[in-house]
N, C-alpha and C. Protein backbone atom coordinates (compact mmCIF):
# COMPACT_ATOMS: atom_id res chain seq x y z
N MET A 1 32.17 6.82 4.09
CA MET A 1 31.68 6.55 5.30
C MET A 1 31.80 7.47 6.36
N THR A 2 30.54 8.20 7.52
CA THR A 2 30.65 8.95 8.63
C THR A 2 30.97 8.03 9.73
N ALA A 3 31.65 8.43 10.47
CA ALA A 3 32.11 7.65 11.71
C ALA A 3 31.32 8.20 13.20
N PRO A 4 30.72 7.90 14.33
CA PRO A 4 30.46 8.61 15.50
C PRO A 4 31.74 9.66 15.54
N ALA A 5 31.28 10.42 16.65
CA ALA A 5 32.18 11.08 17.65
C ALA A 5 33.37 10.45 18.00
N GLU A 6 34.00 11.50 18.28
CA GLU A 6 35.20 10.36 19.35
C GLU A 6 34.63 10.50 20.41
N PRO A 7 35.03 9.41 20.85
CA PRO A 7 34.22 8.84 22.48
C PRO A 7 34.89 10.25 23.60
N GLY A 8 34.29 10.72 24.34
CA GLY A 8 34.32 12.10 25.16
C GLY A 8 34.65 13.26 24.37
N ALA A 9 33.73 13.28 23.21
CA ALA A 9 34.15 14.56 22.74
C ALA A 9 33.06 15.18 23.21
N PRO A 10 32.88 16.88 23.14
CA PRO A 10 31.90 17.34 23.56
C PRO A 10 30.71 17.31 22.64
N ALA A 11 29.21 17.15 23.17
CA ALA A 11 28.19 17.29 21.94
C ALA A 11 27.79 18.88 21.70
N GLU A 12 27.30 18.70 20.58
CA GLU A 12 26.96 20.11 19.94
C GLU A 12 25.56 20.49 21.03
N PRO A 13 25.49 21.54 21.87
CA PRO A 13 24.36 21.89 22.22
C PRO A 13 23.31 21.36 21.22
N GLY A 14 22.31 20.60 21.84
CA GLY A 14 20.83 19.88 21.59
C GLY A 14 21.24 18.70 20.48
N ALA A 15 22.25 18.19 20.53
CA ALA A 15 22.48 16.83 19.70
C ALA A 15 22.16 16.12 21.06
N PRO A 16 21.52 14.46 20.07
CA PRO A 16 21.57 13.64 20.95
C PRO A 16 22.93 13.02 21.49
N ALA A 17 22.77 12.33 22.74
CA ALA A 17 23.57 11.76 23.13
C ALA A 17 24.12 10.85 22.74
N GLU A 18 25.65 10.35 22.68
CA GLU A 18 26.45 9.33 21.91
C GLU A 18 25.88 8.23 22.39
N PRO A 19 25.62 7.25 21.04
CA PRO A 19 25.40 6.02 21.81
C PRO A 19 26.49 5.07 22.18
N GLY A 20 25.91 4.10 23.60
CA GLY A 20 26.90 3.29 24.44
C GLY A 20 27.29 4.60 25.54
N ALA A 21 26.80 5.36 26.01
CA ALA A 21 26.87 6.51 27.11
C ALA A 21 25.84 6.31 28.05
N ALA A 22 25.50 5.07 28.65
CA ALA A 22 24.32 4.62 28.76
C ALA A 22 24.62 5.36 30.37
N GLY A 23 25.88 5.67 31.06
CA GLY A 23 25.99 5.98 32.24
C GLY A 23 25.59 7.28 32.42
N ASP A 24 25.27 7.95 31.03
CA ASP A 24 25.37 9.55 31.50
C ASP A 24 23.96 9.98 31.30
N ASP A 25 23.92 11.32 32.35
CA ASP A 25 22.75 12.04 32.32
C ASP A 25 20.80 11.13 32.72
N GLY A 26 21.97 9.91 33.67
CA GLY A 26 20.76 9.27 34.33
C GLY A 26 20.40 8.31 33.01
N ALA A 27 21.03 7.81 32.47
CA ALA A 27 20.45 7.33 31.00
C ALA A 27 19.99 5.84 31.71
N ALA A 28 21.17 5.31 32.55
CA ALA A 28 20.79 4.08 32.68
C ALA A 28 19.65 2.98 33.58
N ASP A 29 19.15 4.18 34.17
CA ASP A 29 17.68 3.96 35.05
C ASP A 29 17.06 4.35 34.03
N LEU A 30 17.04 5.51 33.08
CA LEU A 30 15.43 5.28 32.09
C LEU A 30 16.04 4.27 31.15
N VAL A 31 17.10 3.68 30.54
CA VAL A 31 16.68 2.37 29.68
C VAL A 31 16.17 1.29 30.73
N CYS A 32 16.40 0.98 32.25
CA CYS A 32 16.18 -0.04 33.22
C CYS A 32 14.34 0.52 32.97
N ARG A 33 14.22 1.71 33.77
CA ARG A 33 12.47 1.82 33.65
C ARG A 33 11.75 1.70 32.50
N LEU A 34 12.54 1.85 30.90
CA LEU A 34 11.35 1.56 30.15
C LEU A 34 11.78 0.07 29.77
N ALA A 35 12.57 -0.64 30.12
CA ALA A 35 12.57 -2.08 29.59
C ALA A 35 11.26 -2.53 30.35
N ALA A 36 11.10 -2.10 31.68
CA ALA A 36 9.73 -2.50 32.24
C ALA A 36 8.69 -2.49 31.64
N LEU A 37 8.51 -1.96 31.03
CA LEU A 37 7.26 -1.65 30.13
C LEU A 37 7.07 -1.79 29.20
N PRO A 38 5.75 -2.46 29.28
CA PRO A 38 5.29 -3.17 27.39
C PRO A 38 5.04 -1.80 26.54
N THR A 39 5.25 -2.27 25.37
CA THR A 39 5.95 -1.11 24.15
C THR A 39 4.48 -0.56 23.89
N PRO A 40 3.21 -1.19 24.43
CA PRO A 40 1.97 -0.19 23.99
C PRO A 40 2.02 0.87 24.94
N ASN A 41 2.00 0.53 26.00
CA ASN A 41 2.17 1.64 27.51
C ASN A 41 3.50 2.55 27.10
N ILE A 42 4.45 2.68 26.19
CA ILE A 42 5.60 3.67 26.13
C ILE A 42 4.94 4.48 24.68
N GLY A 43 4.09 3.58 23.79
CA GLY A 43 4.02 4.13 22.51
C GLY A 43 2.51 4.95 23.05
N ASP A 44 1.93 4.50 23.71
CA ASP A 44 0.20 5.10 24.64
C ASP A 44 1.40 6.55 24.62
N ALA A 45 1.80 6.80 25.86
CA ALA A 45 2.37 7.82 26.48
C ALA A 45 3.18 9.11 25.48
N MET A 46 3.20 8.16 24.32
CA MET A 46 3.87 9.04 23.23
C MET A 46 2.89 9.48 22.20
N GLU A 47 1.61 9.53 22.68
CA GLU A 47 0.48 9.90 21.88
C GLU A 47 0.76 8.97 20.60
N ARG A 48 0.98 7.69 20.34
CA ARG A 48 0.81 6.93 19.64
C ARG A 48 2.27 7.11 18.33
N LEU A 49 2.77 8.00 18.66
CA LEU A 49 3.70 8.56 17.59
C LEU A 49 5.47 7.67 18.38
N ASN A 50 6.27 7.42 16.96
CA ASN A 50 7.62 6.96 17.59
C ASN A 50 6.90 5.10 17.23
N VAL A 51 6.16 4.94 17.02
CA VAL A 51 6.21 3.11 17.31
C VAL A 51 6.41 2.61 15.42
N VAL A 52 7.33 1.93 15.01
CA VAL A 52 7.86 1.04 14.53
C VAL A 52 6.70 0.64 13.63
N ASP A 53 6.61 0.81 12.35
CA ASP A 53 5.65 -0.37 11.44
C ASP A 53 5.93 -1.53 11.74
N GLY A 54 4.43 -2.22 12.05
CA GLY A 54 4.29 -3.28 12.69
C GLY A 54 4.64 -4.45 12.01
N ALA A 55 5.31 -4.10 10.53
CA ALA A 55 6.14 -5.36 9.68
C ALA A 55 7.22 -5.57 10.21
N LEU A 56 8.09 -4.82 10.83
CA LEU A 56 9.37 -5.44 11.88
C LEU A 56 8.82 -6.08 13.06
N HIS A 57 9.24 -6.76 13.29
CA HIS A 57 8.73 -7.79 14.16
C HIS A 57 9.44 -8.68 14.52
N PRO A 58 9.39 -9.13 15.64
CA PRO A 58 10.71 -10.46 16.62
C PRO A 58 10.93 -11.34 15.71
N VAL A 59 11.41 -11.80 15.22
CA VAL A 59 12.03 -13.21 14.72
C VAL A 59 11.74 -14.49 15.61
N TRP A 60 11.80 -14.08 17.00
CA TRP A 60 11.74 -15.03 17.68
C TRP A 60 10.68 -14.84 18.78
N ARG A 61 9.89 -15.74 19.26
CA ARG A 61 8.76 -15.06 20.32
C ARG A 61 9.40 -14.99 21.58
N GLY A 62 9.14 -14.00 22.51
CA GLY A 62 9.45 -13.70 23.72
C GLY A 62 10.49 -12.71 23.49
N ALA A 63 11.43 -12.71 22.79
CA ALA A 63 12.29 -11.62 22.58
C ALA A 63 12.02 -10.22 23.03
N ARG A 64 12.73 -9.71 23.78
CA ARG A 64 12.55 -8.54 24.45
C ARG A 64 14.14 -7.54 24.66
N MET A 65 14.12 -6.23 24.49
CA MET A 65 15.35 -5.75 24.31
C MET A 65 14.92 -3.79 24.88
N ALA A 66 16.28 -3.32 25.43
CA ALA A 66 15.96 -2.12 25.62
C ALA A 66 17.62 -1.61 25.44
N GLY A 67 17.58 -0.06 24.87
CA GLY A 67 18.85 -0.01 25.24
C GLY A 67 19.05 1.30 23.85
N ARG A 68 20.31 1.97 23.88
CA ARG A 68 20.47 3.19 23.33
C ARG A 68 21.00 2.61 22.08
N ALA A 69 20.37 4.06 20.79
CA ALA A 69 20.62 3.36 19.64
C ALA A 69 22.27 3.19 19.06
N PHE A 70 22.70 2.65 18.42
CA PHE A 70 23.91 2.78 17.76
C PHE A 70 23.33 2.78 16.10
N THR A 71 23.34 3.92 15.68
CA THR A 71 22.96 3.75 14.28
C THR A 71 23.48 3.42 12.72
N VAL A 72 22.92 2.88 11.51
CA VAL A 72 23.67 2.45 10.55
C VAL A 72 23.05 2.24 9.78
N TYR A 73 23.44 2.88 8.67
CA TYR A 73 22.84 2.95 6.86
C TYR A 73 23.59 2.81 6.36
N VAL A 74 22.82 1.57 5.53
CA VAL A 74 23.58 0.42 4.44
C VAL A 74 22.63 0.50 2.89
N ALA A 75 23.46 0.08 2.25
CA ALA A 75 22.80 0.05 1.21
C ALA A 75 21.86 -1.54 0.90
N GLY A 76 20.98 -1.87 0.12
CA GLY A 76 20.46 -2.72 0.41
C GLY A 76 20.46 -3.75 -0.06
N GLY A 77 20.54 -5.16 1.21
CA GLY A 77 21.21 -5.99 0.48
C GLY A 77 22.66 -6.04 1.20
N ASP A 78 22.65 -5.22 1.14
CA ASP A 78 24.93 -4.96 1.29
C ASP A 78 25.13 -4.49 3.42
N ASN A 79 25.51 -5.71 3.89
CA ASN A 79 26.43 -5.09 5.71
C ASN A 79 27.23 -4.91 5.58
N ARG A 80 28.29 -4.42 4.33
CA ARG A 80 29.33 -3.54 5.09
C ARG A 80 29.52 -3.01 6.46
N GLY A 81 28.36 -2.08 6.60
CA GLY A 81 28.29 -0.89 7.58
C GLY A 81 28.22 -1.79 8.87
N ILE A 82 27.39 -2.63 8.73
CA ILE A 82 27.07 -3.32 10.04
C ILE A 82 28.42 -4.23 10.80
N HIS A 83 29.32 -4.69 10.02
CA HIS A 83 30.51 -5.31 9.78
C HIS A 83 31.70 -3.96 10.70
N GLU A 84 31.37 -2.63 9.92
CA GLU A 84 31.95 -1.91 10.70
C GLU A 84 31.17 -1.52 11.95
N ALA A 85 30.46 -1.10 12.41
CA ALA A 85 30.26 -0.99 13.27
C ALA A 85 30.24 -1.63 14.49
N ILE A 86 30.09 -3.12 14.56
CA ILE A 86 29.87 -3.92 15.71
C ILE A 86 31.27 -4.25 16.44
N PRO A 87 32.53 -3.36 16.33
CA PRO A 87 33.17 -3.71 17.02
C PRO A 87 33.34 -1.98 17.43
N GLN A 88 32.29 -1.52 17.33
CA GLN A 88 32.45 0.18 18.00
C GLN A 88 30.87 0.02 19.08
N LEU A 89 30.86 -1.08 19.22
CA LEU A 89 29.38 -0.78 19.84
C LEU A 89 29.88 -1.38 21.80
N THR A 90 28.96 -0.43 22.17
CA THR A 90 29.54 -0.78 23.87
C THR A 90 28.02 -1.25 24.39
N PRO A 91 28.50 -1.65 25.70
CA PRO A 91 27.59 -2.49 26.66
C PRO A 91 25.64 -1.65 26.48
N GLY A 92 24.24 -2.52 26.28
CA GLY A 92 23.74 -1.83 26.36
C GLY A 92 23.61 -1.16 24.76
N ASP A 93 24.39 -0.97 23.80
CA ASP A 93 23.81 -0.25 22.78
C ASP A 93 22.95 -1.61 22.27
N VAL A 94 21.77 -0.93 21.04
CA VAL A 94 20.87 -1.57 20.20
C VAL A 94 21.77 -0.69 18.74
N LEU A 95 21.93 -1.80 18.21
CA LEU A 95 22.20 -1.60 16.82
C LEU A 95 20.77 -1.64 15.95
N VAL A 96 20.68 -0.12 15.22
CA VAL A 96 19.63 0.36 14.32
C VAL A 96 19.82 0.20 12.84
N VAL A 97 19.75 -0.83 12.30
CA VAL A 97 20.22 -0.87 10.64
C VAL A 97 18.52 -0.20 9.58
N ASN A 98 19.23 0.77 9.20
CA ASN A 98 18.04 1.18 7.80
C ASN A 98 18.97 0.19 6.67
N GLY A 99 18.05 -1.02 6.38
CA GLY A 99 18.53 -1.84 5.25
C GLY A 99 17.71 -1.46 4.04
N GLN A 100 16.83 0.03 3.82
CA GLN A 100 16.01 0.43 3.24
C GLN A 100 14.65 -0.76 2.76
N GLY A 101 14.42 -1.34 4.15
CA GLY A 101 13.23 -2.31 3.64
C GLY A 101 13.65 -3.50 2.75
N ILE A 102 14.86 -4.17 2.53
CA ILE A 102 14.82 -5.17 1.39
C ILE A 102 15.41 -6.68 2.11
N ALA A 103 14.45 -7.80 1.66
CA ALA A 103 13.85 -8.66 2.23
C ALA A 103 14.64 -9.55 1.82
N ASN A 104 14.82 -9.52 0.15
CA ASN A 104 15.31 -11.00 0.12
C ASN A 104 16.55 -11.30 0.15
N ARG A 105 17.72 -10.16 1.00
CA ARG A 105 19.09 -10.70 1.37
C ARG A 105 19.30 -10.40 2.70
N ALA A 106 19.52 -11.24 3.75
CA ALA A 106 19.69 -11.40 4.96
C ALA A 106 21.01 -10.50 5.63
N LEU A 107 20.63 -9.54 6.02
CA LEU A 107 22.21 -8.50 6.69
C LEU A 107 22.80 -9.10 7.64
N ILE A 108 22.02 -9.80 8.56
CA ILE A 108 22.93 -10.45 9.56
C ILE A 108 22.15 -12.02 10.24
N GLY A 109 23.41 -12.22 10.71
CA GLY A 109 22.93 -14.38 10.90
C GLY A 109 23.54 -14.41 12.28
N GLU A 110 23.50 -15.43 12.74
CA GLU A 110 23.96 -16.06 13.92
C GLU A 110 25.62 -15.15 14.68
N LEU A 111 26.16 -15.93 13.58
CA LEU A 111 27.63 -15.46 13.95
C LEU A 111 27.89 -13.66 14.13
N MET A 112 27.39 -12.81 13.17
CA MET A 112 26.93 -11.35 13.33
C MET A 112 26.43 -11.08 15.16
N ALA A 113 25.53 -11.83 15.20
CA ALA A 113 24.78 -11.58 16.25
C ALA A 113 25.74 -11.80 17.89
N GLY A 114 26.28 -13.22 17.47
CA GLY A 114 27.51 -13.33 18.60
C GLY A 114 28.59 -12.85 18.95
N ARG A 115 28.65 -12.17 17.87
CA ARG A 115 30.28 -11.17 17.71
C ARG A 115 29.73 -9.74 18.63
N ALA A 116 28.19 -9.40 18.41
CA ALA A 116 27.74 -8.14 18.77
C ALA A 116 27.47 -8.75 20.52
N ALA A 117 26.83 -9.83 20.66
CA ALA A 117 26.48 -10.13 22.08
C ALA A 117 27.56 -10.09 22.73
N ALA A 118 29.26 -10.60 22.04
CA ALA A 118 29.73 -10.70 23.21
C ALA A 118 30.19 -9.33 23.56
N ARG A 119 30.01 -8.31 22.91
CA ARG A 119 30.48 -6.71 23.11
C ARG A 119 29.27 -5.77 24.02
N GLY A 120 28.58 -6.77 24.62
CA GLY A 120 27.40 -6.57 25.06
C GLY A 120 26.20 -5.74 24.67
N CYS A 121 25.95 -5.62 23.06
CA CYS A 121 24.92 -5.40 22.57
C CYS A 121 23.63 -6.20 22.85
N ALA A 122 22.30 -5.27 23.39
CA ALA A 122 21.62 -5.48 23.44
C ALA A 122 20.42 -6.32 22.67
N GLY A 123 20.83 -6.12 21.57
CA GLY A 123 19.53 -6.07 20.00
C GLY A 123 19.80 -5.86 19.26
N PHE A 124 19.04 -6.20 17.82
CA PHE A 124 19.41 -5.40 16.42
C PHE A 124 17.63 -5.31 16.47
N VAL A 125 17.94 -3.97 15.47
CA VAL A 125 16.38 -3.50 14.66
C VAL A 125 17.07 -3.41 13.37
N ILE A 126 16.54 -4.15 12.79
CA ILE A 126 17.15 -4.53 11.27
C ILE A 126 15.79 -4.21 10.05
N ASP A 127 16.28 -2.82 9.49
CA ASP A 127 14.94 -2.95 8.49
C ASP A 127 14.91 -3.41 7.37
N GLY A 128 15.06 -4.69 7.21
CA GLY A 128 15.88 -5.73 6.23
C GLY A 128 15.47 -6.97 6.62
N ALA A 129 16.39 -7.74 5.93
CA ALA A 129 16.02 -9.62 6.53
C ALA A 129 17.02 -9.93 7.49
N VAL A 130 17.25 -10.97 7.87
CA VAL A 130 18.27 -12.00 8.67
C VAL A 130 18.01 -13.24 8.17
N ARG A 131 18.46 -14.13 9.15
CA ARG A 131 18.25 -15.24 8.78
C ARG A 131 19.22 -16.04 10.25
N ASP A 132 19.33 -17.44 10.17
CA ASP A 132 20.11 -18.15 11.16
C ASP A 132 18.57 -18.08 12.65
N VAL A 133 17.50 -17.92 12.20
CA VAL A 133 16.55 -17.78 13.57
C VAL A 133 16.73 -18.72 14.33
N ARG A 134 16.46 -19.70 14.19
CA ARG A 134 16.67 -20.92 15.48
C ARG A 134 18.08 -20.39 16.42
N ASP A 135 19.02 -20.29 15.73
CA ASP A 135 20.59 -20.11 16.10
C ASP A 135 20.31 -19.01 17.24
N LEU A 136 19.44 -17.90 16.49
CA LEU A 136 19.15 -16.39 17.23
C LEU A 136 18.28 -16.65 18.68
N GLU A 137 17.28 -18.05 18.65
CA GLU A 137 16.50 -17.78 19.95
C GLU A 137 17.25 -18.63 20.59
N GLU A 138 18.20 -19.21 20.36
CA GLU A 138 18.85 -20.56 21.34
C GLU A 138 19.85 -19.61 21.73
N MET A 139 20.15 -18.57 21.09
CA MET A 139 21.35 -17.71 21.90
C MET A 139 20.71 -16.76 22.64
N GLY A 140 19.63 -16.55 22.66
CA GLY A 140 18.48 -15.28 23.39
C GLY A 140 18.82 -14.15 23.02
N PHE A 141 19.12 -13.88 21.46
CA PHE A 141 19.54 -12.42 20.91
C PHE A 141 18.56 -12.09 20.77
N PRO A 142 18.18 -10.73 21.10
CA PRO A 142 16.90 -10.09 20.22
C PRO A 142 16.96 -9.62 18.64
N VAL A 143 16.35 -10.08 18.28
CA VAL A 143 16.64 -9.62 16.50
C VAL A 143 15.27 -9.10 16.23
N PHE A 144 14.65 -7.85 16.07
CA PHE A 144 13.85 -7.28 15.29
C PHE A 144 14.23 -6.93 13.72
N ALA A 145 13.02 -7.78 12.42
CA ALA A 145 13.45 -7.35 11.42
C ALA A 145 12.23 -7.53 10.48
N ARG A 146 12.36 -6.77 9.37
CA ARG A 146 11.04 -7.03 8.30
C ARG A 146 10.80 -8.23 8.17
N GLY A 147 11.99 -9.11 7.55
CA GLY A 147 11.51 -10.41 7.14
C GLY A 147 12.99 -11.62 7.12
N LEU A 148 12.87 -12.80 6.50
CA LEU A 148 13.80 -13.77 6.85
C LEU A 148 14.15 -14.09 5.28
N SER A 149 15.36 -14.43 5.13
CA SER A 149 15.83 -14.58 3.84
C SER A 149 17.02 -15.61 4.17
N PRO A 150 17.01 -16.99 3.56
CA PRO A 150 18.71 -17.50 3.86
C PRO A 150 19.30 -17.02 2.50
N ALA A 151 19.39 -16.32 2.00
CA ALA A 151 20.49 -15.41 1.02
C ALA A 151 21.11 -14.91 1.76
N GLY A 152 22.49 -14.52 1.47
CA GLY A 152 23.62 -14.20 2.22
C GLY A 152 23.82 -12.50 1.65
N PRO A 153 24.22 -11.26 2.25
CA PRO A 153 24.55 -10.36 1.99
C PRO A 153 25.65 -9.93 1.09
N TYR A 154 25.42 -8.84 0.07
CA TYR A 154 26.70 -8.53 -0.14
C TYR A 154 27.61 -7.33 0.74
N ARG A 155 28.58 -7.35 0.52
CA ARG A 155 30.13 -6.77 1.41
C ARG A 155 30.20 -5.37 0.42
N ASN A 156 30.02 -4.76 -0.07
CA ASN A 156 30.74 -3.50 -0.74
C ASN A 156 30.58 -2.04 -0.63
N GLY A 157 29.45 -1.92 0.29
CA GLY A 157 29.31 -0.34 1.15
C GLY A 157 28.06 0.15 -0.11
N PRO A 158 28.31 1.39 -0.19
CA PRO A 158 28.36 2.23 0.86
C PRO A 158 27.32 2.39 2.28
N ALA A 159 28.12 2.91 3.04
CA ALA A 159 27.43 2.63 4.44
C ALA A 159 27.80 3.74 5.24
N ARG A 160 26.77 4.27 6.18
CA ARG A 160 26.84 5.63 7.01
C ARG A 160 26.96 4.77 8.53
N LEU A 161 27.61 5.30 9.27
CA LEU A 161 27.41 5.17 10.86
C LEU A 161 27.66 6.43 11.53
N GLY A 162 26.17 6.29 12.80
CA GLY A 162 25.95 7.21 13.69
C GLY A 162 25.76 8.53 13.29
N VAL A 163 24.57 8.09 12.38
CA VAL A 163 23.86 9.29 11.76
C VAL A 163 22.30 8.78 11.80
N PRO A 164 21.22 9.99 11.88
CA PRO A 164 19.62 9.48 12.11
C PRO A 164 19.96 8.78 10.60
N VAL A 165 18.54 7.83 11.32
CA VAL A 165 17.99 7.09 10.14
C VAL A 165 16.59 6.57 9.91
N ALA A 166 16.08 6.14 9.18
CA ALA A 166 14.72 5.80 9.57
C ALA A 166 14.79 4.77 9.33
N ILE A 167 13.82 3.35 10.37
CA ILE A 167 13.11 2.44 10.43
C ILE A 167 11.54 2.38 10.55
N GLY A 168 10.89 1.76 9.88
CA GLY A 168 9.60 1.61 9.69
C GLY A 168 8.74 2.97 9.79
N SER A 169 9.25 3.95 9.18
CA SER A 169 8.92 4.95 9.02
C SER A 169 8.97 5.62 10.77
N VAL A 170 9.45 5.42 11.85
CA VAL A 170 9.88 6.37 12.20
C VAL A 170 11.80 6.97 12.43
N VAL A 171 12.03 7.67 12.66
CA VAL A 171 13.57 8.41 12.64
C VAL A 171 13.81 7.90 14.06
N VAL A 172 15.34 7.33 14.26
CA VAL A 172 15.92 7.20 14.96
C VAL A 172 17.37 7.70 15.08
N ARG A 173 17.56 8.47 16.10
CA ARG A 173 18.82 9.45 16.14
C ARG A 173 19.78 8.13 17.14
N PRO A 174 21.32 8.79 16.74
CA PRO A 174 22.21 7.67 17.73
C PRO A 174 21.89 8.38 19.55
N GLY A 175 21.57 7.41 20.47
CA GLY A 175 21.37 7.28 21.38
C GLY A 175 19.92 7.38 21.74
N ASP A 176 18.89 7.58 20.91
CA ASP A 176 17.95 7.44 21.49
C ASP A 176 17.43 5.97 22.05
N ILE A 177 16.46 5.83 23.03
CA ILE A 177 16.15 4.31 23.69
C ILE A 177 15.48 3.96 22.85
N VAL A 178 15.68 2.76 22.64
CA VAL A 178 14.78 1.62 21.52
C VAL A 178 14.30 0.47 22.47
N VAL A 179 13.18 0.12 22.46
CA VAL A 179 12.49 -0.73 23.70
C VAL A 179 12.20 -1.94 22.30
N GLY A 180 12.14 -3.19 22.32
CA GLY A 180 11.31 -4.04 21.53
C GLY A 180 10.80 -5.02 22.50
N ASP A 181 9.51 -5.56 22.17
CA ASP A 181 8.72 -6.80 22.62
C ASP A 181 8.14 -8.04 21.78
N ASP A 182 7.32 -8.32 22.25
CA ASP A 182 6.38 -9.28 21.25
C ASP A 182 5.37 -8.33 20.18
N ASP A 183 4.83 -7.46 20.86
CA ASP A 183 3.85 -6.27 20.17
C ASP A 183 4.63 -5.28 19.06
N GLY A 184 6.41 -5.46 19.42
CA GLY A 184 7.10 -4.81 18.31
C GLY A 184 8.28 -3.95 18.99
N VAL A 185 8.40 -2.19 17.95
CA VAL A 185 9.18 -1.54 18.80
C VAL A 185 8.96 -0.24 18.54
N VAL A 186 9.41 0.41 19.77
CA VAL A 186 9.41 1.99 20.08
C VAL A 186 10.33 2.77 19.54
N VAL A 187 10.42 3.96 19.66
CA VAL A 187 11.91 5.12 20.04
C VAL A 187 11.63 5.89 20.71
N VAL A 188 12.44 5.84 21.86
CA VAL A 188 12.25 7.37 22.73
C VAL A 188 12.83 7.91 22.57
N PRO A 189 12.83 9.48 22.10
CA PRO A 189 13.66 10.45 21.70
C PRO A 189 14.20 10.54 23.62
N PHE A 190 15.61 10.58 23.41
CA PHE A 190 16.15 10.48 24.61
C PHE A 190 15.93 11.80 25.48
N GLU A 191 15.86 12.98 24.63
CA GLU A 191 15.25 13.93 25.25
C GLU A 191 14.09 13.85 26.42
N ASP A 192 13.34 13.12 25.80
CA ASP A 192 11.82 13.40 26.26
C ASP A 192 11.58 11.81 27.15
N ALA A 193 12.82 11.23 27.29
CA ALA A 193 12.63 9.60 27.99
C ALA A 193 11.90 9.81 29.50
N GLU A 194 12.67 10.99 30.49
CA GLU A 194 12.08 10.92 31.37
C GLU A 194 10.54 11.29 31.56
N ALA A 195 10.09 12.17 31.07
CA ALA A 195 8.70 12.69 30.94
C ALA A 195 7.88 10.86 30.43
N VAL A 196 8.02 10.46 29.19
CA VAL A 196 7.75 9.39 28.91
C VAL A 196 7.77 7.99 29.57
N ALA A 197 8.82 7.98 30.36
CA ALA A 197 8.88 7.13 31.33
C ALA A 197 7.90 7.10 32.32
N ARG A 198 7.79 8.36 32.96
CA ARG A 198 6.63 8.52 33.82
C ARG A 198 5.12 8.38 33.43
N ALA A 199 5.07 8.84 31.98
CA ALA A 199 3.55 8.74 31.70
C ALA A 199 3.28 7.14 31.35
N ALA A 200 4.08 6.82 30.92
CA ALA A 200 4.12 5.31 30.62
C ALA A 200 3.74 4.40 31.76
N GLU A 201 4.72 4.82 32.57
CA GLU A 201 4.29 3.92 34.14
C GLU A 201 2.96 4.19 35.05
N ALA A 202 2.37 5.32 34.65
CA ALA A 202 0.85 6.01 35.19
C ALA A 202 0.12 5.08 34.30
N LYS A 203 0.48 5.08 33.04
CA LYS A 203 -0.37 4.03 32.49
C LYS A 203 -0.64 2.54 32.24
N ARG A 204 0.61 2.11 32.98
CA ARG A 204 0.27 0.54 32.73
C ARG A 204 0.01 0.24 34.12
N ASP A 205 0.11 1.29 35.49
CA ASP A 205 -0.81 1.42 36.49
C ASP A 205 -2.04 1.27 36.55
N ALA A 206 -2.71 2.74 35.53
CA ALA A 206 -4.13 2.57 35.57
C ALA A 206 -4.73 1.69 34.94
N GLU A 207 -3.90 0.89 33.88
CA GLU A 207 -4.31 -0.37 33.64
C GLU A 207 -4.29 -1.59 34.33
N ALA A 208 -3.49 -1.75 35.36
CA ALA A 208 -4.07 -2.56 36.13
C ALA A 208 -4.76 -2.61 36.95
N LYS A 209 -5.14 -0.94 37.42
CA LYS A 209 -6.73 -0.83 38.05
C LYS A 209 -7.73 -1.39 37.68
N GLN A 210 -7.73 -0.89 35.87
CA GLN A 210 -9.10 -1.39 35.17
C GLN A 210 -8.95 -2.81 35.08
N ARG A 211 -7.92 -3.63 35.02
CA ARG A 211 -8.06 -5.17 35.21
C ARG A 211 -8.59 -5.43 36.81
N ALA A 212 -8.25 -5.26 37.35
CA ALA A 212 -8.62 -5.52 38.76
C ALA A 212 -9.86 -5.35 38.98
N ASP A 213 -10.36 -4.05 38.11
CA ASP A 213 -11.91 -3.82 38.44
C ASP A 213 -12.75 -4.25 37.99
N ILE A 214 -12.72 -5.20 36.50
CA ILE A 214 -13.14 -5.88 35.81
C ILE A 214 -12.93 -6.96 36.10
N GLY A 215 -12.18 -7.83 36.55
CA GLY A 215 -12.36 -9.20 37.27
C GLY A 215 -12.39 -10.09 36.68
N GLY A 216 -12.73 -11.37 36.59
CA GLY A 216 -12.63 -12.69 35.82
C GLY A 216 -10.93 -13.27 36.03
N PRO A 217 -11.38 -14.27 35.15
CA PRO A 217 -10.00 -15.09 34.55
C PRO A 217 -8.88 -14.42 34.75
N GLY A 218 -7.77 -14.06 35.58
CA GLY A 218 -6.54 -13.40 34.72
C GLY A 218 -6.84 -11.70 35.03
N LEU A 219 -7.49 -11.54 35.26
CA LEU A 219 -8.14 -10.19 35.69
C LEU A 219 -8.00 -9.24 36.70
N GLY A 220 -7.36 -10.18 37.79
CA GLY A 220 -7.01 -9.35 38.94
C GLY A 220 -8.28 -9.77 40.27
N LYS A 221 -9.23 -10.59 39.97
CA LYS A 221 -9.98 -10.83 40.82
C LYS A 221 -10.95 -12.67 40.52
N PRO A 222 -11.15 -13.22 41.43
CA PRO A 222 -11.62 -14.80 41.48
C PRO A 222 -12.56 -14.50 40.32
N ASP A 223 -12.40 -16.11 39.72
CA ASP A 223 -13.90 -15.96 38.64
C ASP A 223 -14.95 -16.13 39.62
N GLN A 224 -16.08 -15.51 39.44
CA GLN A 224 -17.05 -15.06 40.58
C GLN A 224 -18.31 -16.15 39.67
N ARG A 225 -18.09 -16.65 38.59
CA ARG A 225 -19.04 -16.99 37.39
C ARG A 225 -20.00 -18.40 38.20
């Protein structure tokens, strides 16, 4: 297993910021700005790149999250790496797991989600299956996954923590900003986050004006039919 760098250790030039370092380099403000935006606006601001495969979806309607990525790479159907990761989570982290797209064994359920939530985790993105959906919804804990299964996982390993992972055809590095809502998940490379937030805010404002110009019920002007 490869563990993340020691907290406070200097990063190599050009290396992504550590997960959990939400107060560094204005990250907290960037996360808040991106959290306020719909994922379609963020995706459009990245020229439709870094948008996760639509097969990864919120497991309960209305789930929304934004935070810095804490990445985990596990063997399909095995959650040993997730057990190792949860005690290392810091407030605002989003746990991002490459479960190799295996959907016949759930990698997490409400107990693991509860442990993560207690550490301030903002949510999970699992390229694999999960279970206990009703409990997750009652907890209000955002989870995005490829599928559902009542079958539990193995816990044998191997696993890697704090490495770049692929989820839904998108590479996620530790410290990248991950945003999820009813439309799905987008990944914002941390070094691009300021420019992406600015472009996405402009897109949101332009669409608001378009809705007002169109008019009609729910689009900004009274219905004049």
